Amino acid sequence: MNLIVLTPGKKIYSGGITSVKVPGTSGEFEVLKGHAAIVSSLKAGKVRIKKSEGGEMSFGIENGFIEVLKDEVSLLIQGYQE
């Protein structure tokens, strides 16, 4: 599964992942390989990424959107905080 994380000013991450957990406006949810296509808004909270080569990454956001389509995940976020 591939993920790209973009802010208005820069690309935060691009690469292979095994999962990503995001703070959806209706509650936190996790995207795994084979997830159904979805577009959802995000609220303030923490994004957690498990990289396919091992290791994890997490950061805070103020809001944004996630799109999942055929194991391609896009996060468009504002308020990135390491």
PDB file of N, CA and C in Angstrom:
ATOM      1  N   MET A   1       0.852  -1.160   0.000  1.00  0.00           N
ATOM      2  CA  MET A   1       0.000   0.000   0.000  1.00  0.00           C
ATOM      3  C   MET A   1       0.907   1.235   0.000  1.00  0.00           C
ATOM      4  N   ASN A   2       0.537   2.253  -0.732  1.00  0.00           N
ATOM      5  CA  ASN A   2       1.333   3.480  -0.816  1.00  0.00           C
ATOM      6  C   ASN A   2       0.600   4.643  -0.171  1.00  0.00           C
ATOM      7  N   LEU A   3       1.382   5.537   0.450  1.00  0.00           N
ATOM      8  CA  LEU A   3       0.830   6.705   1.131  1.00  0.00           C
ATOM      9  C   LEU A   3       1.580   7.950   0.710  1.00  0.00           C
ATOM     10  N   ILE A   4       0.848   9.040   0.519  1.00  0.00           N
ATOM     11  CA  ILE A   4       1.441  10.361   0.339  1.00  0.00           C
ATOM     12  C   ILE A   4       0.750  11.299   1.322  1.00  0.00           C
ATOM     13  N   VAL A   5       1.569  12.080   2.038  1.00  0.00           N
ATOM     14  CA  VAL A   5       1.053  13.041   3.009  1.00  0.00           C
ATOM     15  C   VAL A   5       1.497  14.430   2.565  1.00  0.00           C
ATOM     16  N   LEU A   6       0.515  15.299   2.313  1.00  0.00           N
ATOM     17  CA  LEU A   6       0.795  16.645   1.819  1.00  0.00           C
ATOM     18  C   LEU A   6       0.200  17.701   2.739  1.00  0.00           C
ATOM     19  N   THR A   7       0.959  18.804   2.926  1.00  0.00           N
ATOM     20  CA  THR A   7       0.447  20.005   3.578  1.00  0.00           C
ATOM     21  C   THR A   7       0.388  21.068   2.488  1.00  0.00           C
ATOM     22  N   PRO A   8      -0.183  22.237   2.760  1.00  0.00           N
ATOM     23  CA  PRO A   8      -0.174  23.283   1.736  1.00  0.00           C
ATOM     24  C   PRO A   8       1.236  23.697   1.306  1.00  0.00           C
ATOM     25  N   GLY A   9       2.237  23.486   2.181  1.00  0.00           N
ATOM     26  CA  GLY A   9       3.581  23.942   1.862  1.00  0.00           C
ATOM     27  C   GLY A   9       4.584  22.892   1.438  1.00  0.00           C
ATOM     28  N   LYS A  10       4.346  21.609   1.797  1.00  0.00           N
ATOM     29  CA  LYS A  10       5.358  20.600   1.469  1.00  0.00           C
ATOM     30  C   LYS A  10       4.810  19.181   1.558  1.00  0.00           C
ATOM     31  N   LYS A  11       5.624  18.244   1.046  1.00  0.00           N
ATOM     32  CA  LYS A  11       5.318  16.822   1.148  1.00  0.00           C
ATOM     33  C   LYS A  11       5.969  16.305   2.426  1.00  0.00           C
ATOM     34  N   ILE A  12       5.194  15.685   3.302  1.00  0.00           N
ATOM     35  CA  ILE A  12       5.697  15.167   4.577  1.00  0.00           C
ATOM     36  C   ILE A  12       6.216  13.748   4.417  1.00  0.00           C
ATOM     37  N   TYR A  13       5.489  12.928   3.642  1.00  0.00           N
ATOM     38  CA  TYR A  13       5.866  11.521   3.499  1.00  0.00           C
ATOM     39  C   TYR A  13       5.339  10.982   2.183  1.00  0.00           C
ATOM     40  N   SER A  14       6.127  10.099   1.598  1.00  0.00           N
ATOM     41  CA  SER A  14       5.697   9.363   0.417  1.00  0.00           C
ATOM     42  C   SER A  14       6.408   8.019   0.431  1.00  0.00           C
ATOM     43  N   GLY A  15       5.639   6.923   0.446  1.00  0.00           N
ATOM     44  CA  GLY A  15       6.267   5.616   0.459  1.00  0.00           C
ATOM     45  C   GLY A  15       5.300   4.514   0.820  1.00  0.00           C
ATOM     46  N   GLY A  16       5.853   3.317   0.976  1.00  0.00           N
ATOM     47  CA  GLY A  16       5.060   2.140   1.294  1.00  0.00           C
ATOM     48  C   GLY A  16       4.721   2.068   2.772  1.00  0.00           C
ATOM     49  N   ILE A  17       3.514   1.609   3.057  1.00  0.00           N
ATOM     50  CA  ILE A  17       3.063   1.446   4.440  1.00  0.00           C
ATOM     51  C   ILE A  17       2.288   0.136   4.581  1.00  0.00           C
ATOM     52  N   THR A  18       2.147  -0.321   5.823  1.00  0.00           N
ATOM     53  CA  THR A  18       1.271  -1.461   6.096  1.00  0.00           C
ATOM     54  C   THR A  18      -0.050  -0.992   6.686  1.00  0.00           C
ATOM     55  N   SER A  19      -0.033   0.193   7.358  1.00  0.00           N
ATOM     56  CA  SER A  19      -1.279   0.743   7.891  1.00  0.00           C
ATOM     57  C   SER A  19      -1.100   2.218   8.228  1.00  0.00           C
ATOM     58  N   VAL A  20      -2.231   2.922   8.298  1.00  0.00           N
ATOM     59  CA  VAL A  20      -2.249   4.302   8.769  1.00  0.00           C
ATOM     60  C   VAL A  20      -3.517   4.487   9.600  1.00  0.00           C
ATOM     61  N   LYS A  21      -3.353   5.083  10.780  1.00  0.00           N
ATOM     62  CA  LYS A  21      -4.474   5.352  11.678  1.00  0.00           C
ATOM     63  C   LYS A  21      -4.671   6.860  11.719  1.00  0.00           C
ATOM     64  N   VAL A  22      -5.911   7.310  11.507  1.00  0.00           N
ATOM     65  CA  VAL A  22      -6.201   8.746  11.401  1.00  0.00           C
ATOM     66  C   VAL A  22      -7.382   9.138  12.291  1.00  0.00           C
ATOM     67  N   PRO A  23      -7.431  10.425  12.696  1.00  0.00           N
ATOM     68  CA  PRO A  23      -8.544  10.913  13.506  1.00  0.00           C
ATOM     69  C   PRO A  23      -9.701  11.426  12.644  1.00  0.00           C
ATOM     70  N   GLY A  24     -10.566  10.538  12.203  1.00  0.00           N
ATOM     71  CA  GLY A  24     -11.716  10.937  11.392  1.00  0.00           C
ATOM     72  C   GLY A  24     -12.685  11.784  12.208  1.00  0.00           C
ATOM     73  N   THR A  25     -13.469  12.601  11.547  1.00  0.00           N
ATOM     74  CA  THR A  25     -14.414  13.459  12.268  1.00  0.00           C
ATOM     75  C   THR A  25     -15.500  12.648  12.992  1.00  0.00           C
ATOM     76  N   SER A  26     -15.732  11.414  12.562  1.00  0.00           N
ATOM     77  CA  SER A  26     -16.701  10.548  13.249  1.00  0.00           C
ATOM     78  C   SER A  26     -16.016   9.537  14.161  1.00  0.00           C
ATOM     79  N   GLY A  27     -14.700   9.661  14.316  1.00  0.00           N
ATOM     80  CA  GLY A  27     -13.941   8.744  15.165  1.00  0.00           C
ATOM     81  C   GLY A  27     -12.679   8.260  14.469  1.00  0.00           C
ATOM     82  N   GLU A  28     -11.736   7.809  15.262  1.00  0.00           N
ATOM     83  CA  GLU A  28     -10.463   7.315  14.730  1.00  0.00           C
ATOM     84  C   GLU A  28     -10.694   6.020  13.947  1.00  0.00           C
ATOM     85  N   PHE A  29      -9.982   5.861  12.831  1.00  0.00           N
ATOM     86  CA  PHE A  29     -10.051   4.609  12.074  1.00  0.00           C
ATOM     87  C   PHE A  29      -8.703   4.296  11.442  1.00  0.00           C
ATOM     88  N   GLU A  30      -8.539   3.020  11.095  1.00  0.00           N
ATOM     89  CA  GLU A  30      -7.281   2.530  10.533  1.00  0.00           C
ATOM     90  C   GLU A  30      -7.525   2.011   9.125  1.00  0.00           C
ATOM     91  N   VAL A  31      -6.585   2.300   8.242  1.00  0.00           N
ATOM     92  CA  VAL A  31      -6.647   1.829   6.857  1.00  0.00           C
ATOM     93  C   VAL A  31      -5.577   0.759   6.679  1.00  0.00           C
ATOM     94  N   LEU A  32      -6.009  -0.414   6.221  1.00  0.00           N
ATOM     95  CA  LEU A  32      -5.113  -1.538   5.931  1.00  0.00           C
ATOM     96  C   LEU A  32      -5.235  -1.901   4.455  1.00  0.00           C
ATOM     97  N   LYS A  33      -4.329  -2.737   3.981  1.00  0.00           N
ATOM     98  CA  LYS A  33      -4.353  -3.188   2.585  1.00  0.00           C
ATOM     99  C   LYS A  33      -5.735  -3.764   2.249  1.00  0.00           C
ATOM    100  N   GLY A  34      -6.262  -3.384   1.097  1.00  0.00           N
ATOM    101  CA  GLY A  34      -7.561  -3.877   0.657  1.00  0.00           C
ATOM    102  C   GLY A  34      -8.745  -3.088   1.192  1.00  0.00           C
ATOM    103  N   HIS A  35      -8.480  -1.970   1.866  1.00  0.00           N
ATOM    104  CA  HIS A  35      -9.569  -1.143   2.417  1.00  0.00           C
ATOM    105  C   HIS A  35     -10.465  -0.646   1.283  1.00  0.00           C
ATOM    106  N   ALA A  36     -11.743  -0.542   1.558  1.00  0.00           N
ATOM    107  CA  ALA A  36     -12.695  -0.016   0.575  1.00  0.00           C
ATOM    108  C   ALA A  36     -12.358   1.436   0.250  1.00  0.00           C
ATOM    109  N   ALA A  37     -12.720   1.853  -0.946  1.00  0.00           N
ATOM    110  CA  ALA A  37     -12.521   3.248  -1.347  1.00  0.00           C
ATOM    111  C   ALA A  37     -13.293   4.152  -0.394  1.00  0.00           C
ATOM    112  N   ILE A  38     -12.644   5.250   0.012  1.00  0.00           N
ATOM    113  CA  ILE A  38     -13.268   6.163   0.964  1.00  0.00           C
ATOM    114  C   ILE A  38     -12.660   7.550   0.828  1.00  0.00           C
ATOM    115  N   VAL A  39     -13.469   8.552   1.098  1.00  0.00           N
ATOM    116  CA  VAL A  39     -12.994   9.922   1.286  1.00  0.00           C
ATOM    117  C   VAL A  39     -13.609  10.374   2.597  1.00  0.00           C
ATOM    118  N   SER A  40     -12.780  10.902   3.497  1.00  0.00           N
ATOM    119  CA  SER A  40     -13.273  11.307   4.810  1.00  0.00           C
ATOM    120  C   SER A  40     -12.555  12.561   5.275  1.00  0.00           C
ATOM    121  N   SER A  41     -13.266  13.378   6.031  1.00  0.00           N
ATOM    122  CA  SER A  41     -12.637  14.544   6.649  1.00  0.00           C
ATOM    123  C   SER A  41     -11.966  14.101   7.946  1.00  0.00           C
ATOM    124  N   LEU A  42     -10.942  14.853   8.340  1.00  0.00           N
ATOM    125  CA  LEU A  42     -10.179  14.556   9.552  1.00  0.00           C
ATOM    126  C   LEU A  42     -10.270  15.723  10.513  1.00  0.00           C
ATOM    127  N   LYS A  43     -10.208  15.417  11.808  1.00  0.00           N
ATOM    128  CA  LYS A  43     -10.221  16.453  12.838  1.00  0.00           C
ATOM    129  C   LYS A  43      -8.854  16.473  13.532  1.00  0.00           C
ATOM    130  N   ALA A  44      -8.695  17.378  14.467  1.00  0.00           N
ATOM    131  CA  ALA A  44      -7.448  17.485  15.212  1.00  0.00           C
ATOM    132  C   ALA A  44      -7.155  16.173  15.930  1.00  0.00           C
ATOM    133  N   GLY A  45      -5.900  15.740  15.856  1.00  0.00           N
ATOM    134  CA  GLY A  45      -5.502  14.495  16.507  1.00  0.00           C
ATOM    135  C   GLY A  45      -4.174  14.015  15.975  1.00  0.00           C
ATOM    136  N   LYS A  46      -3.894  12.737  16.208  1.00  0.00           N
ATOM    137  CA  LYS A  46      -2.613  12.148  15.841  1.00  0.00           C
ATOM    138  C   LYS A  46      -2.777  11.164  14.692  1.00  0.00           C
ATOM    139  N   VAL A  47      -1.864  11.247  13.726  1.00  0.00           N
ATOM    140  CA  VAL A  47      -1.782  10.296  12.616  1.00  0.00           C
ATOM    141  C   VAL A  47      -0.644   9.335  12.937  1.00  0.00           C
ATOM    142  N   ARG A  48      -0.901   8.023  12.795  1.00  0.00           N
ATOM    143  CA  ARG A  48       0.120   7.006  13.069  1.00  0.00           C
ATOM    144  C   ARG A  48       0.319   6.150  11.821  1.00  0.00           C
ATOM    145  N   ILE A  49       1.561   6.082  11.376  1.00  0.00           N
ATOM    146  CA  ILE A  49       1.907   5.355  10.152  1.00  0.00           C
ATOM    147  C   ILE A  49       2.841   4.201  10.498  1.00  0.00           C
ATOM    148  N   LYS A  50       2.531   3.002   9.990  1.00  0.00           N
ATOM    149  CA  LYS A  50       3.453   1.868  10.086  1.00  0.00           C
ATOM    150  C   LYS A  50       4.049   1.663   8.703  1.00  0.00           C
ATOM    151  N   LYS A  51       5.354   1.878   8.587  1.00  0.00           N
ATOM    152  CA  LYS A  51       6.038   1.784   7.297  1.00  0.00           C
ATOM    153  C   LYS A  51       6.250   0.326   6.901  1.00  0.00           C
ATOM    154  N   SER A  52       6.193   0.040   5.602  1.00  0.00           N
ATOM    155  CA  SER A  52       6.342  -1.335   5.137  1.00  0.00           C
ATOM    156  C   SER A  52       7.747  -1.879   5.348  1.00  0.00           C
ATOM    157  N   GLU A  53       8.760  -1.020   5.380  1.00  0.00           N
ATOM    158  CA  GLU A  53      10.124  -1.496   5.617  1.00  0.00           C
ATOM    159  C   GLU A  53      10.443  -1.578   7.110  1.00  0.00           C
ATOM    160  N   GLY A  54       9.441  -1.347   7.941  1.00  0.00           N
ATOM    161  CA  GLY A  54       9.616  -1.377   9.392  1.00  0.00           C
ATOM    162  C   GLY A  54       9.669   0.037   9.941  1.00  0.00           C
ATOM    163  N   GLY A  55       9.388   0.168  11.189  1.00  0.00           N
ATOM    164  CA  GLY A  55       9.398   1.483  11.816  1.00  0.00           C
ATOM    165  C   GLY A  55       8.041   2.146  11.751  1.00  0.00           C
ATOM    166  N   GLU A  56       7.907   3.148  12.585  1.00  0.00           N
ATOM    167  CA  GLU A  56       6.656   3.890  12.666  1.00  0.00           C
ATOM    168  C   GLU A  56       6.926   5.379  12.631  1.00  0.00           C
ATOM    169  N   MET A  57       5.884   6.140  12.336  1.00  0.00           N
ATOM    170  CA  MET A  57       5.959   7.594  12.277  1.00  0.00           C
ATOM    171  C   MET A  57       4.632   8.113  12.799  1.00  0.00           C
ATOM    172  N   SER A  58       4.670   9.165  13.599  1.00  0.00           N
ATOM    173  CA  SER A  58       3.420   9.771  14.046  1.00  0.00           C
ATOM    174  C   SER A  58       3.594  11.278  14.142  1.00  0.00           C
ATOM    175  N   PHE A  59       2.486  11.983  13.953  1.00  0.00           N
ATOM    176  CA  PHE A  59       2.497  13.436  14.024  1.00  0.00           C
ATOM    177  C   PHE A  59       1.083  13.936  14.252  1.00  0.00           C
ATOM    178  N   GLY A  60       0.980  15.149  14.771  1.00  0.00           N
ATOM    179  CA  GLY A  60      -0.314  15.755  15.018  1.00  0.00           C
ATOM    180  C   GLY A  60      -0.786  16.579  13.836  1.00  0.00           C
ATOM    181  N   ILE A  61      -2.099  16.706  13.713  1.00  0.00           N
ATOM    182  CA  ILE A  61      -2.697  17.547  12.671  1.00  0.00           C
ATOM    183  C   ILE A  61      -3.837  18.365  13.286  1.00  0.00           C
ATOM    184  N   GLU A  62      -4.212  19.449  12.610  1.00  0.00           N
ATOM    185  CA  GLU A  62      -5.374  20.237  13.028  1.00  0.00           C
ATOM    186  C   GLU A  62      -6.633  19.781  12.301  1.00  0.00           C
ATOM    187  N   ASN A  63      -6.500  19.475  11.002  1.00  0.00           N
ATOM    188  CA  ASN A  63      -7.621  18.974  10.207  1.00  0.00           C
ATOM    189  C   ASN A  63      -7.099  18.523   8.852  1.00  0.00           C
ATOM    190  N   GLY A  64      -8.001  17.994   8.031  1.00  0.00           N
ATOM    191  CA  GLY A  64      -7.589  17.556   6.704  1.00  0.00           C
ATOM    192  C   GLY A  64      -8.578  16.585   6.095  1.00  0.00           C
ATOM    193  N   PHE A  65      -8.080  15.852   5.091  1.00  0.00           N
ATOM    194  CA  PHE A  65      -8.881  14.859   4.377  1.00  0.00           C
ATOM    195  C   PHE A  65      -8.025  13.646   4.070  1.00  0.00           C
ATOM    196  N   ILE A  66      -8.674  12.490   3.979  1.00  0.00           N
ATOM    197  CA  ILE A  66      -8.014  11.266   3.551  1.00  0.00           C
ATOM    198  C   ILE A  66      -8.802  10.699   2.378  1.00  0.00           C
ATOM    199  N   GLU A  67      -8.061  10.176   1.391  1.00  0.00           N
ATOM    200  CA  GLU A  67      -8.682   9.472   0.262  1.00  0.00           C
ATOM    201  C   GLU A  67      -7.978   8.129   0.126  1.00  0.00           C
ATOM    202  N   VAL A  68      -8.765   7.070   0.009  1.00  0.00           N
ATOM    203  CA  VAL A  68      -8.229   5.723  -0.201  1.00  0.00           C
ATOM    204  C   VAL A  68      -8.843   5.192  -1.485  1.00  0.00           C
ATOM    205  N   LEU A  69      -7.989   4.756  -2.412  1.00  0.00           N
ATOM    206  CA  LEU A  69      -8.455   4.208  -3.678  1.00  0.00           C
ATOM    207  C   LEU A  69      -7.452   3.175  -4.166  1.00  0.00           C
ATOM    208  N   LYS A  70      -7.854   1.900  -4.185  1.00  0.00           N
ATOM    209  CA  LYS A  70      -7.012   0.802  -4.685  1.00  0.00           C
ATOM    210  C   LYS A  70      -5.631   0.789  -4.028  1.00  0.00           C
ATOM    211  N   ASP A  71      -5.596   0.759  -2.718  1.00  0.00           N
ATOM    212  CA  ASP A  71      -4.352   0.708  -1.936  1.00  0.00           C
ATOM    213  C   ASP A  71      -3.437   1.910  -2.146  1.00  0.00           C
ATOM    214  N   GLU A  72      -3.995   3.008  -2.635  1.00  0.00           N
ATOM    215  CA  GLU A  72      -3.289   4.292  -2.711  1.00  0.00           C
ATOM    216  C   GLU A  72      -3.975   5.228  -1.730  1.00  0.00           C
ATOM    217  N   VAL A  73      -3.222   5.708  -0.750  1.00  0.00           N
ATOM    218  CA  VAL A  73      -3.789   6.551   0.303  1.00  0.00           C
ATOM    219  C   VAL A  73      -3.182   7.948   0.196  1.00  0.00           C
ATOM    220  N   SER A  74      -4.042   8.957   0.208  1.00  0.00           N
ATOM    221  CA  SER A  74      -3.594  10.354   0.179  1.00  0.00           C
ATOM    222  C   SER A  74      -4.131  11.067   1.406  1.00  0.00           C
ATOM    223  N   LEU A  75      -3.226  11.748   2.109  1.00  0.00           N
ATOM    224  CA  LEU A  75      -3.618  12.580   3.245  1.00  0.00           C
ATOM    225  C   LEU A  75      -3.293  14.021   2.899  1.00  0.00           C
ATOM    226  N   LEU A  76      -4.289  14.881   2.949  1.00  0.00           N
ATOM    227  CA  LEU A  76      -4.116  16.305   2.726  1.00  0.00           C
ATOM    228  C   LEU A  76      -4.416  16.957   4.063  1.00  0.00           C
ATOM    229  N   ILE A  77      -3.388  17.527   4.698  1.00  0.00           N
ATOM    230  CA  ILE A  77      -3.540  17.983   6.068  1.00  0.00           C
ATOM    231  C   ILE A  77      -3.117  19.434   6.282  1.00  0.00           C
ATOM    232  N   GLN A  78      -3.622  19.995   7.378  1.00  0.00           N
ATOM    233  CA  GLN A  78      -3.218  21.323   7.832  1.00  0.00           C
ATOM    234  C   GLN A  78      -2.817  21.210   9.296  1.00  0.00           C
ATOM    235  N   GLY A  79      -1.929  22.093   9.727  1.00  0.00           N
ATOM    236  CA  GLY A  79      -1.515  22.113  11.111  1.00  0.00           C
ATOM    237  C   GLY A  79      -0.606  20.974  11.497  1.00  0.00           C
ATOM    238  N   TYR A  80       0.355  20.628  10.628  1.00  0.00           N
ATOM    239  CA  TYR A  80       1.301  19.539  10.888  1.00  0.00           C
ATOM    240  C   TYR A  80       2.173  19.872  12.095  1.00  0.00           C
ATOM    241  N   GLN A  81       2.255  18.937  13.049  1.00  0.00           N
ATOM    242  CA  GLN A  81       3.086  19.113  14.245  1.00  0.00           C
ATOM    243  C   GLN A  81       3.813  17.812  14.533  1.00  0.00           C
ATOM    244  N   GLU A  82       5.141  17.868  14.503  1.00  0.00           N
ATOM    245  CA  GLU A  82       5.934  16.656  14.793  1.00  0.00           C
ATOM    246  C   GLU A  82       5.804  16.246  16.244  1.00  0.00           C
TER     247      GLU A  82
END
